[in-house]
Amino acid sequence: MTRTCTTGARNANSKLYGVSWRIARTLGFRRLITYTQAGESGASLRAAGFRPVADLRPRPGWSTVSRPREARGVDGIRRTRWEIRADR
């Protein structure tokens, strides 16, 4: 999952993650992953059944010689990879 967005209703993000996983599983997916940035608690992910599986070092940026990109302000931030799996 790349991004979620809610109106701020109570538990909306947790519910959105949960529904997304149920739909993905129905479509045959075995795993769903997403990321949080350092400083984000991941409470909505935990509530939906996701588990932290990796702490990732900061990326220097997304730009490469073969694929130049502008900085978006999220370079150099540690991240956590979260996943939920069908076999758990």
PDB file of N, CA and C in Angstrom:
ATOM      1  N   MET A   1       0.848  -1.164   0.000  1.00  0.00           N
ATOM      2  CA  MET A   1       0.000   0.000   0.000  1.00  0.00           C
ATOM      3  C   MET A   1       0.890   1.222   0.000  1.00  0.00           C
ATOM      4  N   THR A   2       0.540   2.163  -0.800  1.00  0.00           N
ATOM      5  CA  THR A   2       1.353   3.359  -0.885  1.00  0.00           C
ATOM      6  C   THR A   2       0.881   4.434   0.082  1.00  0.00           C
ATOM      7  N   ARG A   3      -0.396   4.675   0.138  1.00  0.00           N
ATOM      8  CA  ARG A   3      -0.894   5.777   0.955  1.00  0.00           C
ATOM      9  C   ARG A   3      -2.364   5.552   1.279  1.00  0.00           C
ATOM     10  N   THR A   4      -2.779   6.023   2.451  1.00  0.00           N
ATOM     11  CA  THR A   4      -4.200   6.019   2.799  1.00  0.00           C
ATOM     12  C   THR A   4      -4.594   7.437   3.191  1.00  0.00           C
ATOM     13  N   CYS A   5      -5.873   7.710   3.089  1.00  0.00           N
ATOM     14  CA  CYS A   5      -6.369   9.038   3.423  1.00  0.00           C
ATOM     15  C   CYS A   5      -7.769   8.898   4.001  1.00  0.00           C
ATOM     16  N   THR A   6      -8.026   9.578   5.114  1.00  0.00           N
ATOM     17  CA  THR A   6      -9.349   9.540   5.734  1.00  0.00           C
ATOM     18  C   THR A   6      -9.799  10.960   6.058  1.00  0.00           C
ATOM     19  N   THR A   7     -11.021  11.068   6.519  1.00  0.00           N
ATOM     20  CA  THR A   7     -11.554  12.361   6.946  1.00  0.00           C
ATOM     21  C   THR A   7     -11.212  12.652   8.396  1.00  0.00           C
ATOM     22  N   GLY A   8     -10.543  11.702   9.050  1.00  0.00           N
ATOM     23  CA  GLY A   8     -10.191  11.878  10.454  1.00  0.00           C
ATOM     24  C   GLY A   8     -11.162  11.186  11.396  1.00  0.00           C
ATOM     25  N   ALA A   9     -12.124  10.464  10.848  1.00  0.00           N
ATOM     26  CA  ALA A   9     -13.075   9.734  11.696  1.00  0.00           C
ATOM     27  C   ALA A   9     -12.326   8.718  12.544  1.00  0.00           C
ATOM     28  N   ARG A  10     -12.816   8.483  13.736  1.00  0.00           N
ATOM     29  CA  ARG A  10     -12.181   7.581  14.691  1.00  0.00           C
ATOM     30  C   ARG A  10     -11.988   6.186  14.083  1.00  0.00           C
ATOM     31  N   ASN A  11     -10.788   5.659  14.191  1.00  0.00           N
ATOM     32  CA  ASN A  11     -10.402   4.322  13.723  1.00  0.00           C
ATOM     33  C   ASN A  11     -10.548   4.119  12.211  1.00  0.00           C
ATOM     34  N   ALA A  12     -10.755   5.181  11.466  1.00  0.00           N
ATOM     35  CA  ALA A  12     -10.973   5.045  10.015  1.00  0.00           C
ATOM     36  C   ALA A  12      -9.764   4.433   9.313  1.00  0.00           C
ATOM     37  N   ASN A  13      -8.568   4.828   9.685  1.00  0.00           N
ATOM     38  CA  ASN A  13      -7.391   4.307   9.005  1.00  0.00           C
ATOM     39  C   ASN A  13      -7.207   2.819   9.286  1.00  0.00           C
ATOM     40  N   SER A  14      -7.419   2.393  10.510  1.00  0.00           N
ATOM     41  CA  SER A  14      -7.319   0.971  10.848  1.00  0.00           C
ATOM     42  C   SER A  14      -8.332   0.168  10.044  1.00  0.00           C
ATOM     43  N   LYS A  15      -9.547   0.688   9.956  1.00  0.00           N
ATOM     44  CA  LYS A  15     -10.587   0.000   9.191  1.00  0.00           C
ATOM     45  C   LYS A  15     -10.222  -0.060   7.713  1.00  0.00           C
ATOM     46  N   LEU A  16      -9.667   1.005   7.194  1.00  0.00           N
ATOM     47  CA  LEU A  16      -9.261   1.043   5.786  1.00  0.00           C
ATOM     48  C   LEU A  16      -8.171   0.012   5.503  1.00  0.00           C
ATOM     49  N   TYR A  17      -7.193  -0.095   6.396  1.00  0.00           N
ATOM     50  CA  TYR A  17      -6.148  -1.109   6.230  1.00  0.00           C
ATOM     51  C   TYR A  17      -6.758  -2.509   6.272  1.00  0.00           C
ATOM     52  N   GLY A  18      -7.657  -2.732   7.212  1.00  0.00           N
ATOM     53  CA  GLY A  18      -8.297  -4.041   7.341  1.00  0.00           C
ATOM     54  C   GLY A  18      -9.103  -4.425   6.109  1.00  0.00           C
ATOM     55  N   VAL A  19      -9.892  -3.511   5.595  1.00  0.00           N
ATOM     56  CA  VAL A  19     -10.691  -3.774   4.392  1.00  0.00           C
ATOM     57  C   VAL A  19      -9.779  -4.002   3.194  1.00  0.00           C
ATOM     58  N   SER A  20      -8.723  -3.216   3.087  1.00  0.00           N
ATOM     59  CA  SER A  20      -7.782  -3.377   1.974  1.00  0.00           C
ATOM     60  C   SER A  20      -7.159  -4.762   1.990  1.00  0.00           C
ATOM     61  N   TRP A  21      -6.815  -5.252   3.169  1.00  0.00           N
ATOM     62  CA  TRP A  21      -6.224  -6.577   3.269  1.00  0.00           C
ATOM     63  C   TRP A  21      -7.239  -7.659   2.906  1.00  0.00           C
ATOM     64  N   ARG A  22      -8.460  -7.525   3.366  1.00  0.00           N
ATOM     65  CA  ARG A  22      -9.481  -8.521   3.030  1.00  0.00           C
ATOM     66  C   ARG A  22      -9.707  -8.583   1.515  1.00  0.00           C
ATOM     67  N   ILE A  23      -9.757  -7.428   0.876  1.00  0.00           N
ATOM     68  CA  ILE A  23      -9.932  -7.389  -0.583  1.00  0.00           C
ATOM     69  C   ILE A  23      -8.721  -8.001  -1.284  1.00  0.00           C
ATOM     70  N   ALA A  24      -7.527  -7.629  -0.847  1.00  0.00           N
ATOM     71  CA  ALA A  24      -6.312  -8.166  -1.458  1.00  0.00           C
ATOM     72  C   ALA A  24      -6.269  -9.690  -1.328  1.00  0.00           C
ATOM     73  N   ARG A  25      -6.626 -10.207  -0.157  1.00  0.00           N
ATOM     74  CA  ARG A  25      -6.640 -11.652   0.066  1.00  0.00           C
ATOM     75  C   ARG A  25      -7.652 -12.342  -0.846  1.00  0.00           C
ATOM     76  N   THR A  26      -8.821 -11.731  -0.999  1.00  0.00           N
ATOM     77  CA  THR A  26      -9.852 -12.266  -1.881  1.00  0.00           C
ATOM     78  C   THR A  26      -9.349 -12.336  -3.326  1.00  0.00           C
ATOM     79  N   LEU A  27      -8.515 -11.381  -3.705  1.00  0.00           N
ATOM     80  CA  LEU A  27      -7.957 -11.342  -5.052  1.00  0.00           C
ATOM     81  C   LEU A  27      -6.755 -12.271  -5.217  1.00  0.00           C
ATOM     82  N   GLY A  28      -6.370 -12.968  -4.152  1.00  0.00           N
ATOM     83  CA  GLY A  28      -5.285 -13.932  -4.238  1.00  0.00           C
ATOM     84  C   GLY A  28      -3.942 -13.473  -3.712  1.00  0.00           C
ATOM     85  N   PHE A  29      -3.875 -12.272  -3.177  1.00  0.00           N
ATOM     86  CA  PHE A  29      -2.613 -11.800  -2.608  1.00  0.00           C
ATOM     87  C   PHE A  29      -2.291 -12.601  -1.355  1.00  0.00           C
ATOM     88  N   ARG A  30      -1.010 -12.860  -1.132  1.00  0.00           N
ATOM     89  CA  ARG A  30      -0.562 -13.595   0.057  1.00  0.00           C
ATOM     90  C   ARG A  30       0.077 -12.677   1.083  1.00  0.00           C
ATOM     91  N   ARG A  31       0.430 -11.450   0.660  1.00  0.00           N
ATOM     92  CA  ARG A  31       1.120 -10.523   1.551  1.00  0.00           C
ATOM     93  C   ARG A  31       0.816  -9.101   1.114  1.00  0.00           C
ATOM     94  N   LEU A  32       0.717  -8.201   2.082  1.00  0.00           N
ATOM     95  CA  LEU A  32       0.530  -6.777   1.812  1.00  0.00           C
ATOM     96  C   LEU A  32       1.559  -6.032   2.649  1.00  0.00           C
ATOM     97  N   ILE A  33       2.288  -5.110   2.028  1.00  0.00           N
ATOM     98  CA  ILE A  33       3.300  -4.359   2.761  1.00  0.00           C
ATOM     99  C   ILE A  33       3.039  -2.865   2.638  1.00  0.00           C
ATOM    100  N   THR A  34       3.525  -2.132   3.631  1.00  0.00           N
ATOM    101  CA  THR A  34       3.486  -0.678   3.624  1.00  0.00           C
ATOM    102  C   THR A  34       4.611  -0.185   4.525  1.00  0.00           C
ATOM    103  N   TYR A  35       4.792   1.104   4.583  1.00  0.00           N
ATOM    104  CA  TYR A  35       5.898   1.692   5.347  1.00  0.00           C
ATOM    105  C   TYR A  35       5.400   2.858   6.185  1.00  0.00           C
ATOM    106  N   THR A  36       6.074   3.076   7.317  1.00  0.00           N
ATOM    107  CA  THR A  36       5.887   4.296   8.089  1.00  0.00           C
ATOM    108  C   THR A  36       7.236   4.996   8.178  1.00  0.00           C
ATOM    109  N   GLN A  37       7.186   6.288   8.377  1.00  0.00           N
ATOM    110  CA  GLN A  37       8.411   7.047   8.581  1.00  0.00           C
ATOM    111  C   GLN A  37       8.739   7.075  10.062  1.00  0.00           C
ATOM    112  N   ALA A  38      10.009   7.318  10.370  1.00  0.00           N
ATOM    113  CA  ALA A  38      10.438   7.443  11.759  1.00  0.00           C
ATOM    114  C   ALA A  38       9.559   8.483  12.447  1.00  0.00           C
ATOM    115  N   GLY A  39       9.128   8.185  13.639  1.00  0.00           N
ATOM    116  CA  GLY A  39       8.273   9.109  14.388  1.00  0.00           C
ATOM    117  C   GLY A  39       6.795   8.790  14.275  1.00  0.00           C
ATOM    118  N   GLU A  40       6.412   7.929  13.319  1.00  0.00           N
ATOM    119  CA  GLU A  40       5.012   7.504  13.208  1.00  0.00           C
ATOM    120  C   GLU A  40       4.857   6.210  13.995  1.00  0.00           C
ATOM    121  N   SER A  41       3.803   6.119  14.790  1.00  0.00           N
ATOM    122  CA  SER A  41       3.667   4.992  15.715  1.00  0.00           C
ATOM    123  C   SER A  41       3.264   3.686  15.049  1.00  0.00           C
ATOM    124  N   GLY A  42       2.525   3.730  13.969  1.00  0.00           N
ATOM    125  CA  GLY A  42       2.031   2.513  13.341  1.00  0.00           C
ATOM    126  C   GLY A  42       0.837   1.916  14.064  1.00  0.00           C
ATOM    127  N   ALA A  43       0.190   2.677  14.944  1.00  0.00           N
ATOM    128  CA  ALA A  43      -0.938   2.164  15.724  1.00  0.00           C
ATOM    129  C   ALA A  43      -2.062   1.643  14.831  1.00  0.00           C
ATOM    130  N   SER A  44      -2.370   2.341  13.755  1.00  0.00           N
ATOM    131  CA  SER A  44      -3.430   1.891  12.845  1.00  0.00           C
ATOM    132  C   SER A  44      -3.050   0.575  12.179  1.00  0.00           C
ATOM    133  N   LEU A  45      -1.785   0.425  11.851  1.00  0.00           N
ATOM    134  CA  LEU A  45      -1.324  -0.818  11.232  1.00  0.00           C
ATOM    135  C   LEU A  45      -1.404  -1.977  12.216  1.00  0.00           C
ATOM    136  N   ARG A  46      -0.956  -1.757  13.440  1.00  0.00           N
ATOM    137  CA  ARG A  46      -1.046  -2.804  14.467  1.00  0.00           C
ATOM    138  C   ARG A  46      -2.496  -3.225  14.678  1.00  0.00           C
ATOM    139  N   ALA A  47      -3.383  -2.246  14.756  1.00  0.00           N
ATOM    140  CA  ALA A  47      -4.801  -2.539  14.984  1.00  0.00           C
ATOM    141  C   ALA A  47      -5.389  -3.371  13.849  1.00  0.00           C
ATOM    142  N   ALA A  48      -4.854  -3.221  12.636  1.00  0.00           N
ATOM    143  CA  ALA A  48      -5.346  -3.971  11.480  1.00  0.00           C
ATOM    144  C   ALA A  48      -4.656  -5.326  11.318  1.00  0.00           C
ATOM    145  N   GLY A  49      -3.677  -5.631  12.190  1.00  0.00           N
ATOM    146  CA  GLY A  49      -3.002  -6.918  12.138  1.00  0.00           C
ATOM    147  C   GLY A  49      -1.649  -6.918  11.462  1.00  0.00           C
ATOM    148  N   PHE A  50      -1.156  -5.762  11.028  1.00  0.00           N
ATOM    149  CA  PHE A  50       0.171  -5.674  10.428  1.00  0.00           C
ATOM    150  C   PHE A  50       1.227  -5.805  11.523  1.00  0.00           C
ATOM    151  N   ARG A  51       2.405  -6.285  11.121  1.00  0.00           N
ATOM    152  CA  ARG A  51       3.538  -6.405  12.050  1.00  0.00           C
ATOM    153  C   ARG A  51       4.755  -5.708  11.450  1.00  0.00           C
ATOM    154  N   PRO A  52       5.556  -5.051  12.299  1.00  0.00           N
ATOM    155  CA  PRO A  52       6.796  -4.461  11.774  1.00  0.00           C
ATOM    156  C   PRO A  52       7.782  -5.590  11.460  1.00  0.00           C
ATOM    157  N   VAL A  53       8.378  -5.551  10.278  1.00  0.00           N
ATOM    158  CA  VAL A  53       9.297  -6.628   9.884  1.00  0.00           C
ATOM    159  C   VAL A  53      10.709  -6.145   9.580  1.00  0.00           C
ATOM    160  N   ALA A  54      10.895  -4.837   9.384  1.00  0.00           N
ATOM    161  CA  ALA A  54      12.246  -4.341   9.082  1.00  0.00           C
ATOM    162  C   ALA A  54      12.343  -2.854   9.383  1.00  0.00           C
ATOM    163  N   ASP A  55      13.472  -2.462   9.972  1.00  0.00           N
ATOM    164  CA  ASP A  55      13.807  -1.050  10.118  1.00  0.00           C
ATOM    165  C   ASP A  55      14.783  -0.727   8.996  1.00  0.00           C
ATOM    166  N   LEU A  56      14.464   0.270   8.219  1.00  0.00           N
ATOM    167  CA  LEU A  56      15.256   0.592   7.038  1.00  0.00           C
ATOM    168  C   LEU A  56      16.027   1.884   7.220  1.00  0.00           C
ATOM    169  N   ARG A  57      17.253   1.875   6.761  1.00  0.00           N
ATOM    170  CA  ARG A  57      18.078   3.078   6.854  1.00  0.00           C
ATOM    171  C   ARG A  57      17.534   4.144   5.903  1.00  0.00           C
ATOM    172  N   PRO A  58      17.867   5.380   6.160  1.00  0.00           N
ATOM    173  CA  PRO A  58      17.388   6.456   5.272  1.00  0.00           C
ATOM    174  C   PRO A  58      17.959   6.317   3.865  1.00  0.00           C
ATOM    175  N   ARG A  59      17.140   6.604   2.893  1.00  0.00           N
ATOM    176  CA  ARG A  59      17.606   6.655   1.503  1.00  0.00           C
ATOM    177  C   ARG A  59      18.183   8.035   1.237  1.00  0.00           C
ATOM    178  N   PRO A  60      19.235   8.113   0.451  1.00  0.00           N
ATOM    179  CA  PRO A  60      19.785   9.424   0.133  1.00  0.00           C
ATOM    180  C   PRO A  60      18.873  10.208  -0.808  1.00  0.00           C
ATOM    181  N   GLY A  61      17.955   9.521  -1.458  1.00  0.00           N
ATOM    182  CA  GLY A  61      17.030  10.149  -2.397  1.00  0.00           C
ATOM    183  C   GLY A  61      16.609   9.149  -3.454  1.00  0.00           C
ATOM    184  N   TRP A  62      15.626   9.510  -4.242  1.00  0.00           N
ATOM    185  CA  TRP A  62      15.120   8.613  -5.274  1.00  0.00           C
ATOM    186  C   TRP A  62      15.754   8.888  -6.632  1.00  0.00           C
ATOM    187  N   SER A  63      16.484   9.953  -6.757  1.00  0.00           N
ATOM    188  CA  SER A  63      17.066  10.320  -8.042  1.00  0.00           C
ATOM    189  C   SER A  63      18.275   9.452  -8.362  1.00  0.00           C
ATOM    190  N   THR A  64      18.358   9.013  -9.609  1.00  0.00           N
ATOM    191  CA  THR A  64      19.519   8.296 -10.105  1.00  0.00           C
ATOM    192  C   THR A  64      19.907   8.917 -11.446  1.00  0.00           C
ATOM    193  N   VAL A  65      21.074   8.575 -11.940  1.00  0.00           N
ATOM    194  CA  VAL A  65      21.534   9.112 -13.219  1.00  0.00           C
ATOM    195  C   VAL A  65      20.550   8.737 -14.326  1.00  0.00           C
ATOM    196  N   SER A  66      20.089   7.499 -14.305  1.00  0.00           N
ATOM    197  CA  SER A  66      19.187   7.031 -15.362  1.00  0.00           C
ATOM    198  C   SER A  66      17.736   7.485 -15.163  1.00  0.00           C
ATOM    199  N   ARG A  67      17.417   7.951 -13.961  1.00  0.00           N
ATOM    200  CA  ARG A  67      16.045   8.358 -13.661  1.00  0.00           C
ATOM    201  C   ARG A  67      16.070   9.545 -12.695  1.00  0.00           C
ATOM    202  N   PRO A  68      16.387  10.729 -13.196  1.00  0.00           N
ATOM    203  CA  PRO A  68      16.480  11.898 -12.312  1.00  0.00           C
ATOM    204  C   PRO A  68      15.106  12.293 -11.756  1.00  0.00           C
ATOM    205  N   ARG A  69      15.070  12.610 -10.474  1.00  0.00           N
ATOM    206  CA  ARG A  69      13.835  13.046  -9.817  1.00  0.00           C
ATOM    207  C   ARG A  69      14.144  14.188  -8.858  1.00  0.00           C
ATOM    208  N   GLU A  70      13.164  15.023  -8.657  1.00  0.00           N
ATOM    209  CA  GLU A  70      13.312  16.126  -7.706  1.00  0.00           C
ATOM    210  C   GLU A  70      13.109  15.616  -6.284  1.00  0.00           C
ATOM    211  N   ALA A  71      13.791  16.243  -5.328  1.00  0.00           N
ATOM    212  CA  ALA A  71      13.612  15.904  -3.914  1.00  0.00           C
ATOM    213  C   ALA A  71      12.201  16.275  -3.481  1.00  0.00           C
ATOM    214  N   ARG A  72      11.592  15.427  -2.667  1.00  0.00           N
ATOM    215  CA  ARG A  72      10.221  15.644  -2.184  1.00  0.00           C
ATOM    216  C   ARG A  72      10.150  15.930  -0.688  1.00  0.00           C
ATOM    217  N   GLY A  73      11.293  16.038  -0.052  1.00  0.00           N
ATOM    218  CA  GLY A  73      11.296  16.342   1.374  1.00  0.00           C
ATOM    219  C   GLY A  73      11.252  15.127   2.280  1.00  0.00           C
ATOM    220  N   VAL A  74      11.275  13.919   1.715  1.00  0.00           N
ATOM    221  CA  VAL A  74      11.243  12.713   2.537  1.00  0.00           C
ATOM    222  C   VAL A  74      12.536  11.915   2.436  1.00  0.00           C
ATOM    223  N   ASP A  75      13.537  12.486   1.782  1.00  0.00           N
ATOM    224  CA  ASP A  75      14.832  11.821   1.697  1.00  0.00           C
ATOM    225  C   ASP A  75      15.525  11.884   3.054  1.00  0.00           C
ATOM    226  N   GLY A  76      16.309  10.878   3.358  1.00  0.00           N
ATOM    227  CA  GLY A  76      17.081  10.876   4.597  1.00  0.00           C
ATOM    228  C   GLY A  76      16.259  10.578   5.842  1.00  0.00           C
ATOM    229  N   ILE A  77      15.111   9.922   5.702  1.00  0.00           N
ATOM    230  CA  ILE A  77      14.259   9.592   6.854  1.00  0.00           C
ATOM    231  C   ILE A  77      14.212   8.078   7.013  1.00  0.00           C
ATOM    232  N   ARG A  78      14.464   7.611   8.233  1.00  0.00           N
ATOM    233  CA  ARG A  78      14.362   6.176   8.520  1.00  0.00           C
ATOM    234  C   ARG A  78      12.917   5.728   8.333  1.00  0.00           C
ATOM    235  N   ARG A  79      12.754   4.470   7.945  1.00  0.00           N
ATOM    236  CA  ARG A  79      11.417   3.921   7.734  1.00  0.00           C
ATOM    237  C   ARG A  79      11.307   2.548   8.376  1.00  0.00           C
ATOM    238  N   THR A  80      10.078   2.137   8.612  1.00  0.00           N
ATOM    239  CA  THR A  80       9.782   0.787   9.082  1.00  0.00           C
ATOM    240  C   THR A  80       8.895   0.121   8.053  1.00  0.00           C
ATOM    241  N   ARG A  81       9.254  -1.102   7.661  1.00  0.00           N
ATOM    242  CA  ARG A  81       8.409  -1.885   6.757  1.00  0.00           C
ATOM    243  C   ARG A  81       7.447  -2.728   7.599  1.00  0.00           C
ATOM    244  N   TRP A  82       6.180  -2.684   7.246  1.00  0.00           N
ATOM    245  CA  TRP A  82       5.124  -3.450   7.910  1.00  0.00           C
ATOM    246  C   TRP A  82       4.540  -4.435   6.917  1.00  0.00           C
ATOM    247  N   GLU A  83       4.103  -5.577   7.412  1.00  0.00           N
ATOM    248  CA  GLU A  83       3.430  -6.510   6.520  1.00  0.00           C
ATOM    249  C   GLU A  83       2.355  -7.295   7.258  1.00  0.00           C
ATOM    250  N   ILE A  84       1.438  -7.793   6.465  1.00  0.00           N
ATOM    251  CA  ILE A  84       0.444  -8.735   6.943  1.00  0.00           C
ATOM    252  C   ILE A  84       0.459  -9.868   5.930  1.00  0.00           C
ATOM    253  N   ARG A  85       0.375 -11.090   6.434  1.00  0.00           N
ATOM    254  CA  ARG A  85       0.508 -12.261   5.553  1.00  0.00           C
ATOM    255  C   ARG A  85      -0.674 -13.200   5.732  1.00  0.00           C
ATOM    256  N   ALA A  86      -1.004 -13.895   4.660  1.00  0.00           N
ATOM    257  CA  ALA A  86      -2.109 -14.836   4.691  1.00  0.00           C
ATOM    258  C   ALA A  86      -1.786 -16.093   5.514  1.00  0.00           C
ATOM    259  N   ASP A  87      -0.496 -16.399   5.659  1.00  0.00           N
ATOM    260  CA  ASP A  87      -0.107 -17.631   6.364  1.00  0.00           C
ATOM    261  C   ASP A  87       0.044 -17.432   7.868  1.00  0.00           C
ATOM    262  N   ARG A  88      -0.372 -16.298   8.385  1.00  0.00           N
ATOM    263  CA  ARG A  88      -0.266 -16.064   9.845  1.00  0.00           C
ATOM    264  C   ARG A  88      -1.619 -16.049  10.465  1.00  0.00           C
TER     265      ARG A  88
END
